[in-house]
Amino acid sequence: MSEPQAEPIKPVVAVVGRPNVGKSMLVNRIIGRREAVVQDVPGVTRDRVSYDAIWNGREFVIVDTGGWAPDAKGLAAQIAEQAELAIAAADTVLFVVDASVGIQDVDEAVVQVLRRSKKPVVLAANKVDDAR
C-alpha cells in the first residue's frame, strides 16, 4: 500500500508597506476576489491575513499586513510587529509604495528593515492610475 503524497509547500509572499498605500486592494487583485477589507482610513488591517492565490498557474500564499511604521507606538506597534512576523515567515516580500505621493521617510525606514531580513523583495508602485 502506498503512502499518501504530502501536498507541496506553497511559497509565501508577504505584502508590506506603510498605511494606506493600497496593500489590501492589491491583494484582492492578486487573489481575484474582494476578500481583504479595503477602506480609505488607516488601521483597518491589523493582523496578518493569509489567502491562497494562483498567478500564472503557480500556487502560493499571499499574506496581507497592516500599515507599517517601524518606530510606531501602542496599537500601531503591534500592527508593525505583525508585519515583521509576516516578513520572517515569507519566502518573498512585496513592498508596496504609493506612487501618487512618492517615497516617504517611513518607506525608507521599512527598506532598512527589509534589507536586514535578507529576503527577496519586489517593489510595487501602487496608485499610478489614480486620476489626481
N, C-alpha and C. Protein backbone atom coordinates (compact mmCIF):
# COMPACT_ATOMS: atom_id res chain seq x y z
N MET A 1 0.84 -1.16 0.00
CA MET A 1 0.00 0.00 0.00
C MET A 1 0.90 1.24 0.00
N SER A 2 0.62 2.18 -0.86
CA SER A 2 1.44 3.39 -0.94
C SER A 2 0.93 4.44 0.05
N GLU A 3 1.88 5.23 0.53
CA GLU A 3 1.52 6.29 1.46
C GLU A 3 0.99 7.48 0.68
N PRO A 4 0.07 8.24 1.28
CA PRO A 4 -0.44 9.42 0.58
C PRO A 4 0.67 10.45 0.38
N GLN A 5 0.62 11.09 -0.76
CA GLN A 5 1.62 12.11 -1.09
C GLN A 5 1.35 13.37 -0.27
N ALA A 6 2.39 13.91 0.31
CA ALA A 6 2.25 15.17 1.03
C ALA A 6 2.06 16.29 0.02
N GLU A 7 1.16 17.21 0.34
CA GLU A 7 0.92 18.35 -0.53
C GLU A 7 2.16 19.23 -0.51
N PRO A 8 2.63 19.68 -1.69
CA PRO A 8 3.83 20.52 -1.70
C PRO A 8 3.59 21.82 -0.92
N ILE A 9 4.62 22.29 -0.27
CA ILE A 9 4.52 23.53 0.48
C ILE A 9 4.50 24.69 -0.50
N LYS A 10 3.50 25.56 -0.33
CA LYS A 10 3.38 26.71 -1.22
C LYS A 10 4.29 27.84 -0.73
N PRO A 11 4.91 28.55 -1.67
CA PRO A 11 5.71 29.70 -1.26
C PRO A 11 4.81 30.77 -0.64
N VAL A 12 5.39 31.57 0.24
CA VAL A 12 4.65 32.61 0.95
C VAL A 12 5.18 33.98 0.53
N VAL A 13 4.25 34.87 0.17
CA VAL A 13 4.58 36.24 -0.21
C VAL A 13 3.93 37.17 0.81
N ALA A 14 4.73 37.95 1.53
CA ALA A 14 4.20 38.93 2.48
C ALA A 14 4.08 40.27 1.78
N VAL A 15 2.92 40.92 1.93
CA VAL A 15 2.67 42.23 1.35
C VAL A 15 2.79 43.26 2.47
N VAL A 16 3.79 44.14 2.37
CA VAL A 16 4.05 45.12 3.43
C VAL A 16 4.18 46.52 2.85
N GLY A 17 4.01 47.51 3.72
CA GLY A 17 4.15 48.91 3.34
C GLY A 17 3.50 49.78 4.40
N ARG A 18 3.68 51.07 4.27
CA ARG A 18 3.11 51.97 5.27
C ARG A 18 1.59 52.01 5.13
N PRO A 19 0.88 52.65 6.06
CA PRO A 19 -0.59 52.68 5.99
C PRO A 19 -1.10 53.35 4.71
N ASN A 20 -2.19 52.82 4.20
CA ASN A 20 -2.94 53.39 3.08
C ASN A 20 -2.17 53.50 1.76
N VAL A 21 -1.31 52.54 1.48
CA VAL A 21 -0.66 52.51 0.17
C VAL A 21 -1.39 51.58 -0.80
N GLY A 22 -2.43 50.89 -0.31
CA GLY A 22 -3.22 50.01 -1.17
C GLY A 22 -2.83 48.55 -1.10
N LYS A 23 -2.27 48.11 0.02
CA LYS A 23 -1.85 46.71 0.16
C LYS A 23 -3.02 45.75 0.01
N SER A 24 -4.10 46.00 0.75
CA SER A 24 -5.25 45.09 0.72
C SER A 24 -5.93 45.09 -0.65
N MET A 25 -6.03 46.25 -1.29
CA MET A 25 -6.62 46.31 -2.62
C MET A 25 -5.77 45.51 -3.61
N LEU A 26 -4.46 45.62 -3.49
CA LEU A 26 -3.56 44.86 -4.36
C LEU A 26 -3.70 43.36 -4.11
N VAL A 27 -3.82 42.97 -2.84
CA VAL A 27 -4.05 41.56 -2.50
C VAL A 27 -5.33 41.07 -3.17
N ASN A 28 -6.40 41.86 -3.09
CA ASN A 28 -7.65 41.47 -3.73
C ASN A 28 -7.48 41.28 -5.24
N ARG A 29 -6.72 42.14 -5.87
CA ARG A 29 -6.48 42.00 -7.32
C ARG A 29 -5.71 40.71 -7.61
N ILE A 30 -4.75 40.40 -6.78
CA ILE A 30 -3.93 39.20 -7.00
C ILE A 30 -4.74 37.93 -6.80
N ILE A 31 -5.59 37.90 -5.75
CA ILE A 31 -6.37 36.68 -5.49
C ILE A 31 -7.62 36.61 -6.35
N GLY A 32 -7.97 37.71 -7.03
CA GLY A 32 -9.09 37.70 -7.96
C GLY A 32 -10.46 37.78 -7.32
N ARG A 33 -10.52 38.24 -6.08
CA ARG A 33 -11.81 38.40 -5.42
C ARG A 33 -11.66 39.44 -4.31
N ARG A 34 -12.78 40.02 -3.89
CA ARG A 34 -12.76 41.02 -2.82
C ARG A 34 -12.91 40.33 -1.47
N GLU A 35 -11.79 39.97 -0.90
CA GLU A 35 -11.81 39.29 0.39
C GLU A 35 -11.12 40.13 1.47
N ALA A 36 -10.02 40.76 1.13
CA ALA A 36 -9.33 41.64 2.07
C ALA A 36 -10.13 42.92 2.22
N VAL A 37 -10.30 43.39 3.46
CA VAL A 37 -11.08 44.59 3.74
C VAL A 37 -10.31 45.81 3.26
N VAL A 38 -11.01 46.69 2.51
CA VAL A 38 -10.40 47.89 1.95
C VAL A 38 -11.22 49.10 2.38
N GLN A 39 -10.55 50.08 3.00
CA GLN A 39 -11.16 51.36 3.35
C GLN A 39 -10.11 52.45 3.22
N ASP A 40 -10.58 53.71 3.13
CA ASP A 40 -9.66 54.84 2.98
C ASP A 40 -9.13 55.37 4.31
N VAL A 41 -9.32 54.63 5.38
CA VAL A 41 -8.81 55.07 6.68
C VAL A 41 -7.70 54.12 7.12
N PRO A 42 -6.65 54.64 7.76
CA PRO A 42 -5.57 53.77 8.22
C PRO A 42 -6.03 52.85 9.35
N GLY A 43 -5.39 51.70 9.47
CA GLY A 43 -5.61 50.82 10.61
C GLY A 43 -6.70 49.80 10.45
N VAL A 44 -7.24 49.62 9.24
CA VAL A 44 -8.30 48.63 9.03
C VAL A 44 -7.72 47.22 9.15
N THR A 45 -6.61 46.96 8.47
CA THR A 45 -5.93 45.67 8.60
C THR A 45 -4.98 45.77 9.78
N ARG A 46 -5.18 44.91 10.79
CA ARG A 46 -4.35 44.99 11.99
C ARG A 46 -3.52 43.75 12.22
N ASP A 47 -3.87 42.66 11.59
CA ASP A 47 -3.20 41.39 11.81
C ASP A 47 -2.77 40.84 10.46
N ARG A 48 -2.01 39.77 10.47
CA ARG A 48 -1.66 39.10 9.22
C ARG A 48 -2.87 38.29 8.77
N VAL A 49 -3.20 38.40 7.49
CA VAL A 49 -4.31 37.63 6.94
C VAL A 49 -3.79 36.92 5.69
N SER A 50 -3.90 35.59 5.68
CA SER A 50 -3.35 34.78 4.58
C SER A 50 -4.44 34.34 3.63
N TYR A 51 -4.11 34.33 2.34
CA TYR A 51 -5.03 33.89 1.29
C TYR A 51 -4.28 32.97 0.34
N ASP A 52 -4.95 31.92 -0.12
CA ASP A 52 -4.39 31.09 -1.19
C ASP A 52 -4.54 31.85 -2.49
N ALA A 53 -3.53 31.78 -3.33
CA ALA A 53 -3.54 32.51 -4.59
C ALA A 53 -2.92 31.66 -5.69
N ILE A 54 -3.30 31.98 -6.92
CA ILE A 54 -2.69 31.37 -8.11
C ILE A 54 -2.40 32.51 -9.08
N TRP A 55 -1.16 32.58 -9.56
CA TRP A 55 -0.77 33.60 -10.53
C TRP A 55 0.02 32.91 -11.63
N ASN A 56 -0.44 33.03 -12.86
CA ASN A 56 0.21 32.37 -14.00
C ASN A 56 0.42 30.88 -13.75
N GLY A 57 -0.59 30.24 -13.15
CA GLY A 57 -0.55 28.81 -12.92
C GLY A 57 0.27 28.37 -11.72
N ARG A 58 0.83 29.31 -10.98
CA ARG A 58 1.66 28.99 -9.81
C ARG A 58 0.90 29.28 -8.52
N GLU A 59 0.80 28.28 -7.66
CA GLU A 59 0.10 28.45 -6.38
C GLU A 59 1.05 29.01 -5.33
N PHE A 60 0.52 29.89 -4.50
CA PHE A 60 1.28 30.44 -3.39
C PHE A 60 0.31 30.99 -2.35
N VAL A 61 0.85 31.38 -1.22
CA VAL A 61 0.06 32.01 -0.16
C VAL A 61 0.49 33.47 -0.10
N ILE A 62 -0.49 34.37 -0.13
CA ILE A 62 -0.18 35.79 -0.01
C ILE A 62 -0.68 36.27 1.35
N VAL A 63 0.15 37.04 2.05
CA VAL A 63 -0.17 37.48 3.40
C VAL A 63 -0.32 39.00 3.40
N ASP A 64 -1.54 39.45 3.67
CA ASP A 64 -1.83 40.88 3.79
C ASP A 64 -1.46 41.32 5.20
N THR A 65 -0.86 42.50 5.31
CA THR A 65 -0.47 43.02 6.63
C THR A 65 -1.01 44.43 6.80
N GLY A 66 -1.02 44.89 8.04
CA GLY A 66 -1.43 46.27 8.31
C GLY A 66 -0.34 47.25 7.94
N GLY A 67 -0.71 48.53 7.93
CA GLY A 67 0.26 49.57 7.63
C GLY A 67 1.38 49.59 8.64
N TRP A 68 2.60 49.73 8.17
CA TRP A 68 3.77 49.50 8.98
C TRP A 68 4.60 50.77 9.14
N ALA A 69 4.80 51.15 10.39
CA ALA A 69 5.71 52.23 10.72
C ALA A 69 6.72 51.66 11.72
N PRO A 70 7.99 51.54 11.35
CA PRO A 70 8.97 50.88 12.20
C PRO A 70 9.11 51.44 13.62
N ASP A 71 8.90 52.73 13.83
CA ASP A 71 9.04 53.32 15.17
C ASP A 71 7.69 53.59 15.82
N ALA A 72 6.69 52.79 15.49
CA ALA A 72 5.33 53.00 15.97
C ALA A 72 5.20 52.72 17.47
N LYS A 73 4.15 53.27 18.06
CA LYS A 73 3.84 53.06 19.48
C LYS A 73 2.41 52.52 19.60
N GLY A 74 2.11 51.86 20.72
CA GLY A 74 0.76 51.39 21.00
C GLY A 74 0.27 50.37 20.00
N LEU A 75 -0.99 50.53 19.55
CA LEU A 75 -1.59 49.61 18.59
C LEU A 75 -0.79 49.56 17.29
N ALA A 76 -0.31 50.71 16.85
CA ALA A 76 0.48 50.75 15.62
C ALA A 76 1.75 49.90 15.75
N ALA A 77 2.31 49.83 16.94
CA ALA A 77 3.50 48.99 17.17
C ALA A 77 3.14 47.52 17.06
N GLN A 78 1.96 47.15 17.54
CA GLN A 78 1.52 45.76 17.42
C GLN A 78 1.26 45.39 15.96
N ILE A 79 0.71 46.32 15.20
CA ILE A 79 0.50 46.10 13.77
C ILE A 79 1.85 45.92 13.06
N ALA A 80 2.82 46.77 13.41
CA ALA A 80 4.16 46.67 12.82
C ALA A 80 4.80 45.34 13.17
N GLU A 81 4.59 44.87 14.39
CA GLU A 81 5.15 43.58 14.81
C GLU A 81 4.57 42.45 13.96
N GLN A 82 3.27 42.52 13.65
CA GLN A 82 2.66 41.50 12.80
C GLN A 82 3.27 41.52 11.40
N ALA A 83 3.56 42.72 10.88
CA ALA A 83 4.21 42.82 9.57
C ALA A 83 5.60 42.20 9.61
N GLU A 84 6.33 42.43 10.69
CA GLU A 84 7.67 41.85 10.81
C GLU A 84 7.61 40.33 10.92
N LEU A 85 6.59 39.80 11.61
CA LEU A 85 6.41 38.35 11.68
C LEU A 85 6.09 37.79 10.29
N ALA A 86 5.29 38.52 9.52
CA ALA A 86 4.96 38.08 8.16
C ALA A 86 6.22 38.02 7.30
N ILE A 87 7.09 39.01 7.45
CA ILE A 87 8.35 39.02 6.69
C ILE A 87 9.21 37.83 7.08
N ALA A 88 9.29 37.55 8.37
CA ALA A 88 10.12 36.44 8.84
C ALA A 88 9.63 35.10 8.29
N ALA A 89 8.32 34.95 8.12
CA ALA A 89 7.74 33.69 7.64
C ALA A 89 7.70 33.60 6.12
N ALA A 90 7.94 34.71 5.44
CA ALA A 90 7.78 34.76 3.98
C ALA A 90 9.00 34.25 3.23
N ASP A 91 8.74 33.79 2.02
CA ASP A 91 9.81 33.45 1.09
C ASP A 91 10.21 34.68 0.29
N THR A 92 9.25 35.55 0.04
CA THR A 92 9.44 36.78 -0.74
C THR A 92 8.57 37.87 -0.13
N VAL A 93 9.01 39.11 -0.25
CA VAL A 93 8.26 40.24 0.27
C VAL A 93 7.86 41.15 -0.89
N LEU A 94 6.59 41.54 -0.92
CA LEU A 94 6.09 42.52 -1.88
C LEU A 94 5.96 43.83 -1.11
N PHE A 95 6.85 44.78 -1.39
CA PHE A 95 6.88 46.07 -0.69
C PHE A 95 6.10 47.08 -1.52
N VAL A 96 4.99 47.56 -0.97
CA VAL A 96 4.08 48.44 -1.71
C VAL A 96 4.30 49.89 -1.28
N VAL A 97 4.45 50.76 -2.27
CA VAL A 97 4.56 52.20 -2.02
C VAL A 97 3.47 52.91 -2.82
N ASP A 98 3.12 54.11 -2.39
CA ASP A 98 2.10 54.92 -3.05
C ASP A 98 2.80 55.84 -4.04
N ALA A 99 2.70 55.53 -5.32
CA ALA A 99 3.39 56.31 -6.35
C ALA A 99 2.82 57.72 -6.49
N SER A 100 1.58 57.94 -6.04
CA SER A 100 0.98 59.26 -6.19
C SER A 100 1.59 60.29 -5.24
N VAL A 101 2.27 59.84 -4.18
CA VAL A 101 2.90 60.78 -3.24
C VAL A 101 4.41 60.60 -3.18
N GLY A 102 4.93 59.57 -3.82
CA GLY A 102 6.37 59.34 -3.81
C GLY A 102 6.84 58.63 -2.56
N ILE A 103 8.15 58.44 -2.48
CA ILE A 103 8.75 57.74 -1.34
C ILE A 103 8.76 58.68 -0.13
N GLN A 104 8.30 58.16 1.00
CA GLN A 104 8.24 58.91 2.25
C GLN A 104 9.32 58.40 3.21
N ASP A 105 9.56 59.14 4.28
CA ASP A 105 10.56 58.73 5.28
C ASP A 105 10.24 57.35 5.85
N VAL A 106 8.95 57.08 6.08
CA VAL A 106 8.55 55.76 6.61
C VAL A 106 8.93 54.66 5.63
N ASP A 107 8.77 54.92 4.33
CA ASP A 107 9.17 53.92 3.32
C ASP A 107 10.66 53.62 3.44
N GLU A 108 11.46 54.66 3.62
CA GLU A 108 12.91 54.48 3.76
C GLU A 108 13.24 53.63 4.99
N ALA A 109 12.51 53.85 6.08
CA ALA A 109 12.74 53.06 7.30
C ALA A 109 12.35 51.60 7.08
N VAL A 110 11.27 51.37 6.35
CA VAL A 110 10.86 50.00 6.04
C VAL A 110 11.93 49.31 5.20
N VAL A 111 12.51 50.04 4.25
CA VAL A 111 13.57 49.48 3.41
C VAL A 111 14.73 48.97 4.26
N GLN A 112 15.09 49.71 5.29
CA GLN A 112 16.19 49.27 6.17
C GLN A 112 15.87 47.94 6.84
N VAL A 113 14.62 47.79 7.30
CA VAL A 113 14.21 46.54 7.94
C VAL A 113 14.21 45.41 6.91
N LEU A 114 13.74 45.69 5.71
CA LEU A 114 13.71 44.67 4.66
C LEU A 114 15.12 44.23 4.28
N ARG A 115 16.05 45.15 4.22
CA ARG A 115 17.44 44.78 3.91
C ARG A 115 18.01 43.84 4.96
N ARG A 116 17.71 44.13 6.22
CA ARG A 116 18.20 43.26 7.31
C ARG A 116 17.58 41.87 7.25
N SER A 117 16.38 41.76 6.69
CA SER A 117 15.69 40.47 6.63
C SER A 117 16.36 39.50 5.66
N LYS A 118 17.10 40.04 4.69
CA LYS A 118 17.78 39.23 3.66
C LYS A 118 16.80 38.43 2.80
N LYS A 119 15.54 38.84 2.77
CA LYS A 119 14.53 38.17 1.93
C LYS A 119 14.50 38.87 0.57
N PRO A 120 14.16 38.13 -0.49
CA PRO A 120 13.97 38.79 -1.78
C PRO A 120 12.79 39.76 -1.68
N VAL A 121 12.95 40.95 -2.24
CA VAL A 121 11.91 41.98 -2.17
C VAL A 121 11.55 42.43 -3.58
N VAL A 122 10.25 42.52 -3.82
CA VAL A 122 9.73 43.08 -5.07
C VAL A 122 9.06 44.40 -4.71
N LEU A 123 9.43 45.47 -5.40
CA LEU A 123 8.83 46.78 -5.16
C LEU A 123 7.61 46.95 -6.05
N ALA A 124 6.47 47.32 -5.45
CA ALA A 124 5.25 47.57 -6.21
C ALA A 124 4.85 49.02 -6.00
N ALA A 125 4.90 49.81 -7.09
CA ALA A 125 4.45 51.20 -7.03
C ALA A 125 2.96 51.21 -7.33
N ASN A 126 2.15 51.43 -6.32
CA ASN A 126 0.70 51.37 -6.42
C ASN A 126 0.12 52.76 -6.64
N LYS A 127 -1.13 52.81 -7.04
CA LYS A 127 -1.89 54.05 -7.24
C LYS A 127 -1.34 54.89 -8.40
N VAL A 128 -0.76 54.27 -9.39
CA VAL A 128 -0.25 55.01 -10.54
C VAL A 128 -1.36 55.37 -11.52
N ASP A 129 -2.53 54.75 -11.36
CA ASP A 129 -3.62 55.01 -12.29
C ASP A 129 -4.68 55.94 -11.72
N ASP A 130 -4.44 56.53 -10.55
CA ASP A 130 -5.40 57.47 -9.98
C ASP A 130 -5.48 58.71 -10.86
N ALA A 131 -6.69 59.22 -11.01
CA ALA A 131 -6.90 60.42 -11.82
C ALA A 131 -6.83 61.66 -10.93
N ARG A 132 -5.66 61.92 -10.36
CA ARG A 132 -5.50 63.09 -9.47
C ARG A 132 -4.79 64.19 -10.18
